[in-house]
Amino acid sequence: MIKMLTACGAGVNSSHQIKDAVETEMKNRGYDVSVNAQMIKDVNPDMMKGVQIFLPINHPDLGFDISIPEIDAGAILYRMPAMAKPVYDKIEEEIKKIQ
């Protein structure tokens, strides 16, 4: 299973939309993934342990370096296939590198 983390301001709406969309799309593409949705202010180095791909809405300044692939997943929120597909393709590309 590939573990991912997404985060938004409140950790309630946008991050959960991204979580659901990525888990569904990657399952449809044949991948076993789990996405954790959090508040951006709560993301810390300990939370990143075991995470293989970070999917923020935009590039945040977390105050520490991220050593895993970071993919801006904000376009998924527009629910427009033409905008979301490139994000899903990048996620799939990173999954293939990990496997």
PDB file of N, CA and C in Angstrom:
ATOM      1  N   MET A   1       0.840  -1.183   0.000  1.00  0.00           N
ATOM      2  CA  MET A   1       0.000   0.000   0.000  1.00  0.00           C
ATOM      3  C   MET A   1       0.883   1.244   0.000  1.00  0.00           C
ATOM      4  N   ILE A   2       0.512   2.174  -0.863  1.00  0.00           N
ATOM      5  CA  ILE A   2       1.211   3.455  -0.940  1.00  0.00           C
ATOM      6  C   ILE A   2       0.497   4.426  -0.007  1.00  0.00           C
ATOM      7  N   LYS A   3       1.249   5.051   0.886  1.00  0.00           N
ATOM      8  CA  LYS A   3       0.661   5.991   1.845  1.00  0.00           C
ATOM      9  C   LYS A   3       0.937   7.427   1.410  1.00  0.00           C
ATOM     10  N   MET A   4      -0.132   8.227   1.419  1.00  0.00           N
ATOM     11  CA  MET A   4      -0.043   9.632   1.026  1.00  0.00           C
ATOM     12  C   MET A   4      -0.661  10.501   2.108  1.00  0.00           C
ATOM     13  N   LEU A   5      -0.303  11.774   2.070  1.00  0.00           N
ATOM     14  CA  LEU A   5      -0.853  12.755   3.001  1.00  0.00           C
ATOM     15  C   LEU A   5      -1.293  13.974   2.217  1.00  0.00           C
ATOM     16  N   THR A   6      -2.495  14.465   2.519  1.00  0.00           N
ATOM     17  CA  THR A   6      -2.955  15.725   1.958  1.00  0.00           C
ATOM     18  C   THR A   6      -3.350  16.619   3.122  1.00  0.00           C
ATOM     19  N   ALA A   7      -3.303  17.925   2.898  1.00  0.00           N
ATOM     20  CA  ALA A   7      -3.612  18.857   3.979  1.00  0.00           C
ATOM     21  C   ALA A   7      -4.215  20.135   3.421  1.00  0.00           C
ATOM     22  N   CYS A   8      -5.133  20.689   4.219  1.00  0.00           N
ATOM     23  CA  CYS A   8      -5.730  21.980   3.884  1.00  0.00           C
ATOM     24  C   CYS A   8      -5.850  22.796   5.161  1.00  0.00           C
ATOM     25  N   GLY A   9      -6.412  23.963   5.061  1.00  0.00           N
ATOM     26  CA  GLY A   9      -6.494  24.864   6.199  1.00  0.00           C
ATOM     27  C   GLY A   9      -7.173  24.281   7.413  1.00  0.00           C
ATOM     28  N   ALA A  10      -8.341  23.693   7.227  1.00  0.00           N
ATOM     29  CA  ALA A  10      -9.103  23.159   8.359  1.00  0.00           C
ATOM     30  C   ALA A  10      -9.006  21.642   8.474  1.00  0.00           C
ATOM     31  N   GLY A  11      -8.507  20.981   7.436  1.00  0.00           N
ATOM     32  CA  GLY A  11      -8.420  19.523   7.454  1.00  0.00           C
ATOM     33  C   GLY A  11      -9.768  18.844   7.366  1.00  0.00           C
ATOM     34  N   VAL A  12     -10.768  19.569   6.888  1.00  0.00           N
ATOM     35  CA  VAL A  12     -12.125  19.042   6.880  1.00  0.00           C
ATOM     36  C   VAL A  12     -12.693  18.909   5.467  1.00  0.00           C
ATOM     37  N   ASN A  13     -12.586  19.927   4.670  1.00  0.00           N
ATOM     38  CA  ASN A  13     -13.282  19.935   3.385  1.00  0.00           C
ATOM     39  C   ASN A  13     -12.358  19.580   2.226  1.00  0.00           C
ATOM     40  N   SER A  14     -11.507  20.500   1.838  1.00  0.00           N
ATOM     41  CA  SER A  14     -10.681  20.301   0.636  1.00  0.00           C
ATOM     42  C   SER A  14      -9.800  19.070   0.728  1.00  0.00           C
ATOM     43  N   SER A  15      -9.149  18.877   1.860  1.00  0.00           N
ATOM     44  CA  SER A  15      -8.264  17.720   1.982  1.00  0.00           C
ATOM     45  C   SER A  15      -9.044  16.410   1.880  1.00  0.00           C
ATOM     46  N   HIS A  16     -10.254  16.383   2.395  1.00  0.00           N
ATOM     47  CA  HIS A  16     -11.060  15.162   2.295  1.00  0.00           C
ATOM     48  C   HIS A  16     -11.571  14.949   0.871  1.00  0.00           C
ATOM     49  N   GLN A  17     -11.846  16.016   0.135  1.00  0.00           N
ATOM     50  CA  GLN A  17     -12.216  15.872  -1.271  1.00  0.00           C
ATOM     51  C   GLN A  17     -11.055  15.292  -2.060  1.00  0.00           C
ATOM     52  N   ILE A  18      -9.846  15.790  -1.788  1.00  0.00           N
ATOM     53  CA  ILE A  18      -8.655  15.262  -2.465  1.00  0.00           C
ATOM     54  C   ILE A  18      -8.444  13.806  -2.072  1.00  0.00           C
ATOM     55  N   LYS A  19      -8.536  13.506  -0.796  1.00  0.00           N
ATOM     56  CA  LYS A  19      -8.380  12.130  -0.306  1.00  0.00           C
ATOM     57  C   LYS A  19      -9.308  11.183  -1.053  1.00  0.00           C
ATOM     58  N   ASP A  20     -10.601  11.492  -1.055  1.00  0.00           N
ATOM     59  CA  ASP A  20     -11.582  10.627  -1.702  1.00  0.00           C
ATOM     60  C   ASP A  20     -11.317  10.483  -3.195  1.00  0.00           C
ATOM     61  N   ALA A  21     -11.018  11.595  -3.853  1.00  0.00           N
ATOM     62  CA  ALA A  21     -10.793  11.567  -5.302  1.00  0.00           C
ATOM     63  C   ALA A  21      -9.545  10.757  -5.657  1.00  0.00           C
ATOM     64  N   VAL A  22      -8.452  10.953  -4.925  1.00  0.00           N
ATOM     65  CA  VAL A  22      -7.209  10.235  -5.219  1.00  0.00           C
ATOM     66  C   VAL A  22      -7.374   8.746  -4.926  1.00  0.00           C
ATOM     67  N   GLU A  23      -7.968   8.405  -3.802  1.00  0.00           N
ATOM     68  CA  GLU A  23      -8.160   6.987  -3.490  1.00  0.00           C
ATOM     69  C   GLU A  23      -9.026   6.302  -4.547  1.00  0.00           C
ATOM     70  N   THR A  24     -10.081   6.971  -4.988  1.00  0.00           N
ATOM     71  CA  THR A  24     -10.953   6.394  -6.014  1.00  0.00           C
ATOM     72  C   THR A  24     -10.228   6.247  -7.346  1.00  0.00           C
ATOM     73  N   GLU A  25      -9.561   7.307  -7.777  1.00  0.00           N
ATOM     74  CA  GLU A  25      -8.878   7.270  -9.083  1.00  0.00           C
ATOM     75  C   GLU A  25      -7.748   6.255  -9.097  1.00  0.00           C
ATOM     76  N   MET A  26      -6.954   6.213  -8.040  1.00  0.00           N
ATOM     77  CA  MET A  26      -5.837   5.267  -8.026  1.00  0.00           C
ATOM     78  C   MET A  26      -6.342   3.825  -7.922  1.00  0.00           C
ATOM     79  N   LYS A  27      -7.444   3.605  -7.220  1.00  0.00           N
ATOM     80  CA  LYS A  27      -8.047   2.270  -7.182  1.00  0.00           C
ATOM     81  C   LYS A  27      -8.502   1.869  -8.584  1.00  0.00           C
ATOM     82  N   ASN A  28      -9.119   2.823  -9.302  1.00  0.00           N
ATOM     83  CA  ASN A  28      -9.553   2.556 -10.677  1.00  0.00           C
ATOM     84  C   ASN A  28      -8.374   2.255 -11.594  1.00  0.00           C
ATOM     85  N   ARG A  29      -7.213   2.784 -11.253  1.00  0.00           N
ATOM     86  CA  ARG A  29      -6.007   2.525 -12.051  1.00  0.00           C
ATOM     87  C   ARG A  29      -5.254   1.289 -11.571  1.00  0.00           C
ATOM     88  N   GLY A  30      -5.779   0.640 -10.548  1.00  0.00           N
ATOM     89  CA  GLY A  30      -5.195  -0.615 -10.087  1.00  0.00           C
ATOM     90  C   GLY A  30      -4.189  -0.500  -8.962  1.00  0.00           C
ATOM     91  N   TYR A  31      -4.173   0.611  -8.234  1.00  0.00           N
ATOM     92  CA  TYR A  31      -3.202   0.809  -7.160  1.00  0.00           C
ATOM     93  C   TYR A  31      -3.889   0.774  -5.800  1.00  0.00           C
ATOM     94  N   ASP A  32      -3.163   0.256  -4.836  1.00  0.00           N
ATOM     95  CA  ASP A  32      -3.642   0.207  -3.457  1.00  0.00           C
ATOM     96  C   ASP A  32      -3.023   1.391  -2.722  1.00  0.00           C
ATOM     97  N   VAL A  33      -3.826   2.408  -2.448  1.00  0.00           N
ATOM     98  CA  VAL A  33      -3.325   3.617  -1.798  1.00  0.00           C
ATOM     99  C   VAL A  33      -4.197   3.992  -0.606  1.00  0.00           C
ATOM    100  N   SER A  34      -3.600   4.727   0.299  1.00  0.00           N
ATOM    101  CA  SER A  34      -4.307   5.281   1.438  1.00  0.00           C
ATOM    102  C   SER A  34      -3.869   6.741   1.571  1.00  0.00           C
ATOM    103  N   VAL A  35      -4.835   7.637   1.650  1.00  0.00           N
ATOM    104  CA  VAL A  35      -4.537   9.063   1.783  1.00  0.00           C
ATOM    105  C   VAL A  35      -5.068   9.546   3.124  1.00  0.00           C
ATOM    106  N   ASN A  36      -4.196  10.169   3.892  1.00  0.00           N
ATOM    107  CA  ASN A  36      -4.563  10.748   5.176  1.00  0.00           C
ATOM    108  C   ASN A  36      -4.808  12.240   4.977  1.00  0.00           C
ATOM    109  N   ALA A  37      -5.922  12.770   5.476  1.00  0.00           N
ATOM    110  CA  ALA A  37      -6.257  14.193   5.359  1.00  0.00           C
ATOM    111  C   ALA A  37      -6.046  14.877   6.705  1.00  0.00           C
ATOM    112  N   GLN A  38      -5.313  15.998   6.688  1.00  0.00           N
ATOM    113  CA  GLN A  38      -4.971  16.694   7.919  1.00  0.00           C
ATOM    114  C   GLN A  38      -5.094  18.208   7.767  1.00  0.00           C
ATOM    115  N   MET A  39      -5.045  18.891   8.906  1.00  0.00           N
ATOM    116  CA  MET A  39      -4.934  20.353   8.904  1.00  0.00           C
ATOM    117  C   MET A  39      -3.479  20.698   8.601  1.00  0.00           C
ATOM    118  N   ILE A  40      -3.251  21.668   7.742  1.00  0.00           N
ATOM    119  CA  ILE A  40      -1.888  22.017   7.344  1.00  0.00           C
ATOM    120  C   ILE A  40      -1.039  22.426   8.545  1.00  0.00           C
ATOM    121  N   LYS A  41      -1.641  23.091   9.516  1.00  0.00           N
ATOM    122  CA  LYS A  41      -0.876  23.544  10.687  1.00  0.00           C
ATOM    123  C   LYS A  41      -0.392  22.379  11.541  1.00  0.00           C
ATOM    124  N   ASP A  42      -1.016  21.213  11.396  1.00  0.00           N
ATOM    125  CA  ASP A  42      -0.640  20.049  12.191  1.00  0.00           C
ATOM    126  C   ASP A  42       0.418  19.172  11.538  1.00  0.00           C
ATOM    127  N   VAL A  43       0.739  19.442  10.276  1.00  0.00           N
ATOM    128  CA  VAL A  43       1.724  18.612   9.578  1.00  0.00           C
ATOM    129  C   VAL A  43       3.103  18.891  10.170  1.00  0.00           C
ATOM    130  N   ASN A  44       3.754  17.822  10.605  1.00  0.00           N
ATOM    131  CA  ASN A  44       5.086  17.937  11.203  1.00  0.00           C
ATOM    132  C   ASN A  44       5.932  16.749  10.745  1.00  0.00           C
ATOM    133  N   PRO A  45       7.238  16.789  11.030  1.00  0.00           N
ATOM    134  CA  PRO A  45       8.100  15.691  10.567  1.00  0.00           C
ATOM    135  C   PRO A  45       7.651  14.309  11.047  1.00  0.00           C
ATOM    136  N   ASP A  46       7.150  14.207  12.275  1.00  0.00           N
ATOM    137  CA  ASP A  46       6.693  12.895  12.761  1.00  0.00           C
ATOM    138  C   ASP A  46       5.503  12.382  11.959  1.00  0.00           C
ATOM    139  N   MET A  47       4.594  13.290  11.592  1.00  0.00           N
ATOM    140  CA  MET A  47       3.426  12.900  10.809  1.00  0.00           C
ATOM    141  C   MET A  47       3.832  12.407   9.416  1.00  0.00           C
ATOM    142  N   MET A  48       4.938  12.911   8.919  1.00  0.00           N
ATOM    143  CA  MET A  48       5.397  12.550   7.576  1.00  0.00           C
ATOM    144  C   MET A  48       6.069  11.173   7.537  1.00  0.00           C
ATOM    145  N   LYS A  49       6.401  10.620   8.712  1.00  0.00           N
ATOM    146  CA  LYS A  49       7.052   9.300   8.750  1.00  0.00           C
ATOM    147  C   LYS A  49       6.121   8.255   8.140  1.00  0.00           C
ATOM    148  N   GLY A  50       6.635   7.513   7.206  1.00  0.00           N
ATOM    149  CA  GLY A  50       5.856   6.473   6.544  1.00  0.00           C
ATOM    150  C   GLY A  50       5.057   6.960   5.347  1.00  0.00           C
ATOM    151  N   VAL A  51       4.944   8.282   5.192  1.00  0.00           N
ATOM    152  CA  VAL A  51       4.231   8.845   4.044  1.00  0.00           C
ATOM    153  C   VAL A  51       5.169   8.801   2.840  1.00  0.00           C
ATOM    154  N   GLN A  52       4.641   8.401   1.693  1.00  0.00           N
ATOM    155  CA  GLN A  52       5.467   8.258   0.500  1.00  0.00           C
ATOM    156  C   GLN A  52       5.240   9.367  -0.522  1.00  0.00           C
ATOM    157  N   ILE A  53       4.066  10.012  -0.480  1.00  0.00           N
ATOM    158  CA  ILE A  53       3.753  11.111  -1.401  1.00  0.00           C
ATOM    159  C   ILE A  53       2.939  12.146  -0.628  1.00  0.00           C
ATOM    160  N   PHE A  54       3.317  13.426  -0.771  1.00  0.00           N
ATOM    161  CA  PHE A  54       2.614  14.523  -0.115  1.00  0.00           C
ATOM    162  C   PHE A  54       1.787  15.257  -1.162  1.00  0.00           C
ATOM    163  N   LEU A  55       0.500  15.449  -0.893  1.00  0.00           N
ATOM    164  CA  LEU A  55      -0.444  16.042  -1.844  1.00  0.00           C
ATOM    165  C   LEU A  55      -1.099  17.311  -1.269  1.00  0.00           C
ATOM    166  N   PRO A  56      -0.350  18.381  -1.097  1.00  0.00           N
ATOM    167  CA  PRO A  56      -0.968  19.609  -0.586  1.00  0.00           C
ATOM    168  C   PRO A  56      -1.809  20.293  -1.656  1.00  0.00           C
ATOM    169  N   ILE A  57      -2.625  21.242  -1.232  1.00  0.00           N
ATOM    170  CA  ILE A  57      -3.435  22.012  -2.180  1.00  0.00           C
ATOM    171  C   ILE A  57      -2.550  22.968  -2.962  1.00  0.00           C
ATOM    172  N   ASN A  58      -1.526  23.462  -2.316  1.00  0.00           N
ATOM    173  CA  ASN A  58      -0.493  24.257  -2.967  1.00  0.00           C
ATOM    174  C   ASN A  58       0.785  24.064  -2.156  1.00  0.00           C
ATOM    175  N   HIS A  59       1.885  24.607  -2.604  1.00  0.00           N
ATOM    176  CA  HIS A  59       3.163  24.386  -1.923  1.00  0.00           C
ATOM    177  C   HIS A  59       3.205  25.187  -0.619  1.00  0.00           C
ATOM    178  N   PRO A  60       3.099  24.502   0.518  1.00  0.00           N
ATOM    179  CA  PRO A  60       3.112  25.217   1.795  1.00  0.00           C
ATOM    180  C   PRO A  60       4.525  25.367   2.354  1.00  0.00           C
ATOM    181  N   ASP A  61       4.720  26.360   3.188  1.00  0.00           N
ATOM    182  CA  ASP A  61       5.969  26.490   3.939  1.00  0.00           C
ATOM    183  C   ASP A  61       5.715  25.854   5.292  1.00  0.00           C
ATOM    184  N   LEU A  62       6.181  24.639   5.461  1.00  0.00           N
ATOM    185  CA  LEU A  62       5.926  23.892   6.690  1.00  0.00           C
ATOM    186  C   LEU A  62       6.977  24.147   7.766  1.00  0.00           C
ATOM    187  N   GLY A  63       8.060  24.813   7.392  1.00  0.00           N
ATOM    188  CA  GLY A  63       9.126  25.072   8.352  1.00  0.00           C
ATOM    189  C   GLY A  63      10.120  23.930   8.463  1.00  0.00           C
ATOM    190  N   PHE A  64       9.990  22.924   7.600  1.00  0.00           N
ATOM    191  CA  PHE A  64      10.947  21.826   7.548  1.00  0.00           C
ATOM    192  C   PHE A  64      10.974  21.294   6.115  1.00  0.00           C
ATOM    193  N   ASP A  65      12.068  20.633   5.779  1.00  0.00           N
ATOM    194  CA  ASP A  65      12.218  20.088   4.429  1.00  0.00           C
ATOM    195  C   ASP A  65      11.422  18.803   4.271  1.00  0.00           C
ATOM    196  N   ILE A  66      10.879  18.638   3.090  1.00  0.00           N
ATOM    197  CA  ILE A  66      10.130  17.433   2.749  1.00  0.00           C
ATOM    198  C   ILE A  66      10.993  16.618   1.791  1.00  0.00           C
ATOM    199  N   SER A  67      11.258  15.382   2.145  1.00  0.00           N
ATOM    200  CA  SER A  67      12.160  14.559   1.340  1.00  0.00           C
ATOM    201  C   SER A  67      11.425  13.563   0.447  1.00  0.00           C
ATOM    202  N   ILE A  68      10.110  13.668   0.385  1.00  0.00           N
ATOM    203  CA  ILE A  68       9.317  12.776  -0.455  1.00  0.00           C
ATOM    204  C   ILE A  68       8.715  13.588  -1.601  1.00  0.00           C
ATOM    205  N   PRO A  69       8.222  12.926  -2.642  1.00  0.00           N
ATOM    206  CA  PRO A  69       7.586  13.673  -3.736  1.00  0.00           C
ATOM    207  C   PRO A  69       6.408  14.504  -3.220  1.00  0.00           C
ATOM    208  N   GLU A  70       6.347  15.745  -3.687  1.00  0.00           N
ATOM    209  CA  GLU A  70       5.262  16.661  -3.345  1.00  0.00           C
ATOM    210  C   GLU A  70       4.554  17.053  -4.629  1.00  0.00           C
ATOM    211  N   ILE A  71       3.259  16.783  -4.689  1.00  0.00           N
ATOM    212  CA  ILE A  71       2.473  17.065  -5.887  1.00  0.00           C
ATOM    213  C   ILE A  71       1.325  17.986  -5.503  1.00  0.00           C
ATOM    214  N   ASP A  72       1.249  19.131  -6.154  1.00  0.00           N
ATOM    215  CA  ASP A  72       0.160  20.079  -5.912  1.00  0.00           C
ATOM    216  C   ASP A  72      -1.136  19.456  -6.407  1.00  0.00           C
ATOM    217  N   ALA A  73      -2.031  19.138  -5.468  1.00  0.00           N
ATOM    218  CA  ALA A  73      -3.284  18.452  -5.812  1.00  0.00           C
ATOM    219  C   ALA A  73      -4.473  19.397  -5.887  1.00  0.00           C
ATOM    220  N   GLY A  74      -4.240  20.694  -5.817  1.00  0.00           N
ATOM    221  CA  GLY A  74      -5.330  21.658  -5.807  1.00  0.00           C
ATOM    222  C   GLY A  74      -6.258  21.569  -6.999  1.00  0.00           C
ATOM    223  N   ALA A  75      -5.734  21.232  -8.165  1.00  0.00           N
ATOM    224  CA  ALA A  75      -6.561  21.180  -9.374  1.00  0.00           C
ATOM    225  C   ALA A  75      -7.657  20.118  -9.283  1.00  0.00           C
ATOM    226  N   ILE A  76      -7.471  19.118  -8.441  1.00  0.00           N
ATOM    227  CA  ILE A  76      -8.489  18.085  -8.270  1.00  0.00           C
ATOM    228  C   ILE A  76      -9.787  18.704  -7.747  1.00  0.00           C
ATOM    229  N   LEU A  77      -9.675  19.766  -6.975  1.00  0.00           N
ATOM    230  CA  LEU A  77     -10.852  20.382  -6.359  1.00  0.00           C
ATOM    231  C   LEU A  77     -11.790  21.033  -7.370  1.00  0.00           C
ATOM    232  N   TYR A  78     -11.276  21.344  -8.564  1.00  0.00           N
ATOM    233  CA  TYR A  78     -12.132  21.962  -9.583  1.00  0.00           C
ATOM    234  C   TYR A  78     -13.092  20.962 -10.212  1.00  0.00           C
ATOM    235  N   ARG A  79     -12.843  19.672  -9.981  1.00  0.00           N
ATOM    236  CA  ARG A  79     -13.698  18.591 -10.500  1.00  0.00           C
ATOM    237  C   ARG A  79     -13.844  18.635 -12.022  1.00  0.00           C
ATOM    238  N   MET A  80     -12.802  19.107 -12.663  1.00  0.00           N
ATOM    239  CA  MET A  80     -12.775  19.132 -14.129  1.00  0.00           C
ATOM    240  C   MET A  80     -11.756  18.104 -14.578  1.00  0.00           C
ATOM    241  N   PRO A  81     -12.184  17.058 -15.275  1.00  0.00           N
ATOM    242  CA  PRO A  81     -11.261  15.998 -15.677  1.00  0.00           C
ATOM    243  C   PRO A  81     -10.008  16.500 -16.382  1.00  0.00           C
ATOM    244  N   ALA A  82     -10.146  17.514 -17.208  1.00  0.00           N
ATOM    245  CA  ALA A  82      -8.984  18.019 -17.941  1.00  0.00           C
ATOM    246  C   ALA A  82      -7.939  18.625 -17.009  1.00  0.00           C
ATOM    247  N   MET A  83      -8.372  19.122 -15.857  1.00  0.00           N
ATOM    248  CA  MET A  83      -7.437  19.701 -14.894  1.00  0.00           C
ATOM    249  C   MET A  83      -6.937  18.655 -13.907  1.00  0.00           C
ATOM    250  N   ALA A  84      -7.770  17.703 -13.558  1.00  0.00           N
ATOM    251  CA  ALA A  84      -7.388  16.696 -12.574  1.00  0.00           C
ATOM    252  C   ALA A  84      -6.503  15.601 -13.159  1.00  0.00           C
ATOM    253  N   LYS A  85      -6.717  15.234 -14.417  1.00  0.00           N
ATOM    254  CA  LYS A  85      -5.976  14.123 -15.017  1.00  0.00           C
ATOM    255  C   LYS A  85      -4.463  14.304 -14.936  1.00  0.00           C
ATOM    256  N   PRO A  86      -3.918  15.487 -15.232  1.00  0.00           N
ATOM    257  CA  PRO A  86      -2.461  15.638 -15.107  1.00  0.00           C
ATOM    258  C   PRO A  86      -1.952  15.406 -13.678  1.00  0.00           C
ATOM    259  N   VAL A  87      -2.756  15.757 -12.685  1.00  0.00           N
ATOM    260  CA  VAL A  87      -2.371  15.518 -11.293  1.00  0.00           C
ATOM    261  C   VAL A  87      -2.378  14.018 -11.010  1.00  0.00           C
ATOM    262  N   TYR A  88      -3.436  13.345 -11.423  1.00  0.00           N
ATOM    263  CA  TYR A  88      -3.495  11.893 -11.237  1.00  0.00           C
ATOM    264  C   TYR A  88      -2.336  11.199 -11.958  1.00  0.00           C
ATOM    265  N   ASP A  89      -2.009  11.675 -13.148  1.00  0.00           N
ATOM    266  CA  ASP A  89      -0.896  11.083 -13.902  1.00  0.00           C
ATOM    267  C   ASP A  89       0.427  11.257 -13.157  1.00  0.00           C
ATOM    268  N   LYS A  90       0.637  12.422 -12.537  1.00  0.00           N
ATOM    269  CA  LYS A  90       1.862  12.647 -11.750  1.00  0.00           C
ATOM    270  C   LYS A  90       1.900  11.724 -10.538  1.00  0.00           C
ATOM    271  N   ILE A  91       0.749  11.561  -9.889  1.00  0.00           N
ATOM    272  CA  ILE A  91       0.688  10.660  -8.735  1.00  0.00           C
ATOM    273  C   ILE A  91       1.024   9.242  -9.184  1.00  0.00           C
ATOM    274  N   GLU A  92       0.433   8.809 -10.289  1.00  0.00           N
ATOM    275  CA  GLU A  92       0.718   7.464 -10.794  1.00  0.00           C
ATOM    276  C   GLU A  92       2.196   7.308 -11.149  1.00  0.00           C
ATOM    277  N   GLU A  93       2.780   8.324 -11.732  1.00  0.00           N
ATOM    278  CA  GLU A  93       4.212   8.286 -12.069  1.00  0.00           C
ATOM    279  C   GLU A  93       5.058   8.070 -10.820  1.00  0.00           C
ATOM    280  N   GLU A  94       4.727   8.766  -9.741  1.00  0.00           N
ATOM    281  CA  GLU A  94       5.472   8.613  -8.490  1.00  0.00           C
ATOM    282  C   GLU A  94       5.233   7.243  -7.861  1.00  0.00           C
ATOM    283  N   ILE A  95       4.014   6.731  -7.965  1.00  0.00           N
ATOM    284  CA  ILE A  95       3.731   5.394  -7.447  1.00  0.00           C
ATOM    285  C   ILE A  95       4.576   4.367  -8.176  1.00  0.00           C
ATOM    286  N   LYS A  96       4.684   4.487  -9.481  1.00  0.00           N
ATOM    287  CA  LYS A  96       5.496   3.548 -10.265  1.00  0.00           C
ATOM    288  C   LYS A  96       6.965   3.594  -9.840  1.00  0.00           C
ATOM    289  N   LYS A  97       7.462   4.771  -9.501  1.00  0.00           N
ATOM    290  CA  LYS A  97       8.848   4.901  -9.039  1.00  0.00           C
ATOM    291  C   LYS A  97       9.039   4.198  -7.698  1.00  0.00           C
ATOM    292  N   ILE A  98       8.025   4.273  -6.848  1.00  0.00           N
ATOM    293  CA  ILE A  98       8.108   3.665  -5.517  1.00  0.00           C
ATOM    294  C   ILE A  98       8.035   2.142  -5.611  1.00  0.00           C
ATOM    295  N   GLN A  99       7.165   1.660  -6.500  1.00  0.00           N
ATOM    296  CA  GLN A  99       6.981   0.200  -6.606  1.00  0.00           C
ATOM    297  C   GLN A  99       8.126  -0.386  -7.306  1.00  0.00           C
TER     298      GLN A  99
END
